[in-house]
């Protein structure tokens, strides 16, 4: 899957990944290819 990480100033990352782990407010969560849409707060 393609991942883009953006800040207000610039694009930090743009590339293909197999999974991504994010620091959520309730703990870490991993997103895999084909995941269901979700919205979450990040730490």
PDB file of N, CA and C in Angstrom:
ATOM      1  N   UNK A   1       0.853  -1.165   0.000  1.00  0.00           N
ATOM      2  CA  UNK A   1       0.000   0.000   0.000  1.00  0.00           C
ATOM      3  C   UNK A   1       0.899   1.227   0.000  1.00  0.00           C
ATOM      4  N   UNK A   2       0.344   2.334  -0.419  1.00  0.00           N
ATOM      5  CA  UNK A   2       1.102   3.580  -0.486  1.00  0.00           C
ATOM      6  C   UNK A   2       0.864   4.397   0.773  1.00  0.00           C
ATOM      7  N   UNK A   3       1.944   4.961   1.330  1.00  0.00           N
ATOM      8  CA  UNK A   3       1.863   5.796   2.527  1.00  0.00           C
ATOM      9  C   UNK A   3       2.443   7.166   2.218  1.00  0.00           C
ATOM     10  N   UNK A   4       1.687   8.197   2.565  1.00  0.00           N
ATOM     11  CA  UNK A   4       2.179   9.571   2.502  1.00  0.00           C
ATOM     12  C   UNK A   4       2.117  10.150   3.906  1.00  0.00           C
ATOM     13  N   UNK A   5       3.220  10.723   4.368  1.00  0.00           N
ATOM     14  CA  UNK A   5       3.254  11.424   5.652  1.00  0.00           C
ATOM     15  C   UNK A   5       3.528  12.886   5.339  1.00  0.00           C
ATOM     16  N   UNK A   6       2.573  13.732   5.738  1.00  0.00           N
ATOM     17  CA  UNK A   6       2.643  15.159   5.421  1.00  0.00           C
ATOM     18  C   UNK A   6       2.670  15.985   6.696  1.00  0.00           C
ATOM     19  N   UNK A   7       3.401  17.093   6.648  1.00  0.00           N
ATOM     20  CA  UNK A   7       3.333  18.111   7.688  1.00  0.00           C
ATOM     21  C   UNK A   7       2.810  19.373   7.011  1.00  0.00           C
ATOM     22  N   UNK A   8       2.473  20.400   7.776  1.00  0.00           N
ATOM     23  CA  UNK A   8       2.030  21.638   7.126  1.00  0.00           C
ATOM     24  C   UNK A   8       3.091  22.242   6.189  1.00  0.00           C
ATOM     25  N   UNK A   9       4.365  21.916   6.429  1.00  0.00           N
ATOM     26  CA  UNK A   9       5.443  22.506   5.639  1.00  0.00           C
ATOM     27  C   UNK A   9       5.903  21.655   4.462  1.00  0.00           C
ATOM     28  N   UNK A  10       5.869  20.312   4.583  1.00  0.00           N
ATOM     29  CA  UNK A  10       6.492  19.474   3.565  1.00  0.00           C
ATOM     30  C   UNK A  10       5.963  18.041   3.589  1.00  0.00           C
ATOM     31  N   UNK A  11       6.299  17.298   2.574  1.00  0.00           N
ATOM     32  CA  UNK A  11       6.017  15.863   2.532  1.00  0.00           C
ATOM     33  C   UNK A  11       7.225  15.152   3.145  1.00  0.00           C
ATOM     34  N   UNK A  12       7.005  14.391   4.216  1.00  0.00           N
ATOM     35  CA  UNK A  12       8.082  13.722   4.939  1.00  0.00           C
ATOM     36  C   UNK A  12       8.411  12.369   4.316  1.00  0.00           C
ATOM     37  N   UNK A  13       7.381  11.646   3.866  1.00  0.00           N
ATOM     38  CA  UNK A  13       7.581  10.319   3.292  1.00  0.00           C
ATOM     39  C   UNK A  13       6.518  10.069   2.242  1.00  0.00           C
ATOM     40  N   UNK A  14       6.902   9.385   1.178  1.00  0.00           N
ATOM     41  CA  UNK A  14       5.959   8.980   0.139  1.00  0.00           C
ATOM     42  C   UNK A  14       6.509   7.704  -0.474  1.00  0.00           C
ATOM     43  N   UNK A  15       5.873   6.569  -0.177  1.00  0.00           N
ATOM     44  CA  UNK A  15       6.383   5.321  -0.717  1.00  0.00           C
ATOM     45  C   UNK A  15       5.494   4.138  -0.405  1.00  0.00           C
ATOM     46  N   UNK A  16       5.923   2.972  -0.871  1.00  0.00           N
ATOM     47  CA  UNK A  16       5.193   1.724  -0.654  1.00  0.00           C
ATOM     48  C   UNK A  16       5.617   1.100   0.675  1.00  0.00           C
ATOM     49  N   UNK A  17       4.646   0.597   1.426  1.00  0.00           N
ATOM     50  CA  UNK A  17       4.896  -0.083   2.700  1.00  0.00           C
ATOM     51  C   UNK A  17       4.004  -1.320   2.780  1.00  0.00           C
ATOM     52  N   UNK A  18       4.403  -2.287   3.603  1.00  0.00           N
ATOM     53  CA  UNK A  18       3.565  -3.476   3.798  1.00  0.00           C
ATOM     54  C   UNK A  18       2.666  -3.330   5.019  1.00  0.00           C
ATOM     55  N   UNK A  19       3.087  -2.514   5.992  1.00  0.00           N
ATOM     56  CA  UNK A  19       2.267  -2.214   7.163  1.00  0.00           C
ATOM     57  C   UNK A  19       2.814  -0.950   7.812  1.00  0.00           C
ATOM     58  N   UNK A  20       1.989  -0.347   8.671  1.00  0.00           N
ATOM     59  CA  UNK A  20       2.386   0.863   9.393  1.00  0.00           C
ATOM     60  C   UNK A  20       1.873   0.741  10.818  1.00  0.00           C
ATOM     61  N   UNK A  21       2.699   1.095  11.793  1.00  0.00           N
ATOM     62  CA  UNK A  21       2.297   1.101  13.194  1.00  0.00           C
ATOM     63  C   UNK A  21       2.254   2.545  13.678  1.00  0.00           C
ATOM     64  N   UNK A  22       1.115   2.924  14.268  1.00  0.00           N
ATOM     65  CA  UNK A  22       0.908   4.289  14.739  1.00  0.00           C
ATOM     66  C   UNK A  22       0.759   4.310  16.253  1.00  0.00           C
ATOM     67  N   UNK A  23       1.199   5.408  16.906  1.00  0.00           N
ATOM     68  CA  UNK A  23       0.987   5.569  18.346  1.00  0.00           C
ATOM     69  C   UNK A  23      -0.372   6.224  18.602  1.00  0.00           C
ATOM     70  N   UNK A  24      -1.379   5.423  18.880  1.00  0.00           N
ATOM     71  CA  UNK A  24      -2.706   5.951  19.179  1.00  0.00           C
ATOM     72  C   UNK A  24      -2.806   6.370  20.634  1.00  0.00           C
ATOM     73  N   UNK A  25      -3.838   7.111  20.978  1.00  0.00           N
ATOM     74  CA  UNK A  25      -4.009   7.560  22.362  1.00  0.00           C
ATOM     75  C   UNK A  25      -4.284   6.393  23.308  1.00  0.00           C
ATOM     76  N   UNK A  26      -4.807   5.282  22.792  1.00  0.00           N
ATOM     77  CA  UNK A  26      -5.072   4.101  23.617  1.00  0.00           C
ATOM     78  C   UNK A  26      -4.023   3.016  23.420  1.00  0.00           C
ATOM     79  N   UNK A  27      -2.912   3.327  22.772  1.00  0.00           N
ATOM     80  CA  UNK A  27      -1.855   2.351  22.525  1.00  0.00           C
ATOM     81  C   UNK A  27      -1.528   2.269  21.041  1.00  0.00           C
ATOM     82  N   UNK A  28      -0.556   1.431  20.719  1.00  0.00           N
ATOM     83  CA  UNK A  28      -0.134   1.268  19.332  1.00  0.00           C
ATOM     84  C   UNK A  28      -1.182   0.499  18.539  1.00  0.00           C
ATOM     85  N   UNK A  29      -1.336   0.847  17.266  1.00  0.00           N
ATOM     86  CA  UNK A  29      -2.166   0.044  16.375  1.00  0.00           C
ATOM     87  C   UNK A  29      -1.490  -0.048  15.024  1.00  0.00           C
ATOM     88  N   UNK A  30      -1.714  -1.176  14.361  1.00  0.00           N
ATOM     89  CA  UNK A  30      -1.074  -1.453  13.081  1.00  0.00           C
ATOM     90  C   UNK A  30      -2.108  -1.456  11.970  1.00  0.00           C
ATOM     91  N   UNK A  31      -1.739  -0.875  10.835  1.00  0.00           N
ATOM     92  CA  UNK A  31      -2.594  -0.848   9.652  1.00  0.00           C
ATOM     93  C   UNK A  31      -1.929  -1.713   8.591  1.00  0.00           C
ATOM     94  N   UNK A  32      -2.685  -2.679   8.064  1.00  0.00           N
ATOM     95  CA  UNK A  32      -2.196  -3.583   7.029  1.00  0.00           C
ATOM     96  C   UNK A  32      -2.893  -3.278   5.710  1.00  0.00           C
ATOM     97  N   UNK A  33      -2.335  -3.773   4.631  1.00  0.00           N
ATOM     98  CA  UNK A  33      -2.929  -3.596   3.312  1.00  0.00           C
ATOM     99  C   UNK A  33      -4.356  -4.153   3.304  1.00  0.00           C
ATOM    100  N   UNK A  34      -5.296  -3.433   2.723  1.00  0.00           N
ATOM    101  CA  UNK A  34      -6.683  -3.877   2.649  1.00  0.00           C
ATOM    102  C   UNK A  34      -7.489  -3.562   3.899  1.00  0.00           C
ATOM    103  N   UNK A  35      -6.969  -2.717   4.779  1.00  0.00           N
ATOM    104  CA  UNK A  35      -7.652  -2.401   6.036  1.00  0.00           C
ATOM    105  C   UNK A  35      -8.972  -1.674   5.791  1.00  0.00           C
ATOM    106  N   UNK A  36      -9.848  -1.762   6.775  1.00  0.00           N
ATOM    107  CA  UNK A  36     -11.093  -0.997   6.732  1.00  0.00           C
ATOM    108  C   UNK A  36     -10.777   0.465   7.050  1.00  0.00           C
ATOM    109  N   UNK A  37     -11.534   1.400   6.500  1.00  0.00           N
ATOM    110  CA  UNK A  37     -11.311   2.812   6.828  1.00  0.00           C
ATOM    111  C   UNK A  37     -11.481   3.051   8.328  1.00  0.00           C
ATOM    112  N   UNK A  38     -10.647   3.916   8.883  1.00  0.00           N
ATOM    113  CA  UNK A  38     -10.768   4.246  10.302  1.00  0.00           C
ATOM    114  C   UNK A  38     -10.282   5.659  10.539  1.00  0.00           C
ATOM    115  N   UNK A  39     -10.716   6.212  11.669  1.00  0.00           N
ATOM    116  CA  UNK A  39     -10.243   7.516  12.099  1.00  0.00           C
ATOM    117  C   UNK A  39      -9.847   7.367  13.555  1.00  0.00           C
ATOM    118  N   UNK A  40      -8.670   7.875  13.917  1.00  0.00           N
ATOM    119  CA  UNK A  40      -8.185   7.724  15.279  1.00  0.00           C
ATOM    120  C   UNK A  40      -7.323   8.916  15.661  1.00  0.00           C
ATOM    121  N   UNK A  41      -7.305   9.227  16.948  1.00  0.00           N
ATOM    122  CA  UNK A  41      -6.398  10.250  17.459  1.00  0.00           C
ATOM    123  C   UNK A  41      -5.020   9.636  17.649  1.00  0.00           C
ATOM    124  N   UNK A  42      -3.986  10.408  17.366  1.00  0.00           N
ATOM    125  CA  UNK A  42      -2.612   9.953  17.552  1.00  0.00           C
ATOM    126  C   UNK A  42      -1.981  10.714  18.706  1.00  0.00           C
ATOM    127  N   UNK A  43      -1.002  10.068  19.333  1.00  0.00           N
ATOM    128  CA  UNK A  43      -0.245  10.752  20.389  1.00  0.00           C
ATOM    129  C   UNK A  43       0.784  11.637  19.762  1.00  0.00           C
TER     130      UNK A  43
END
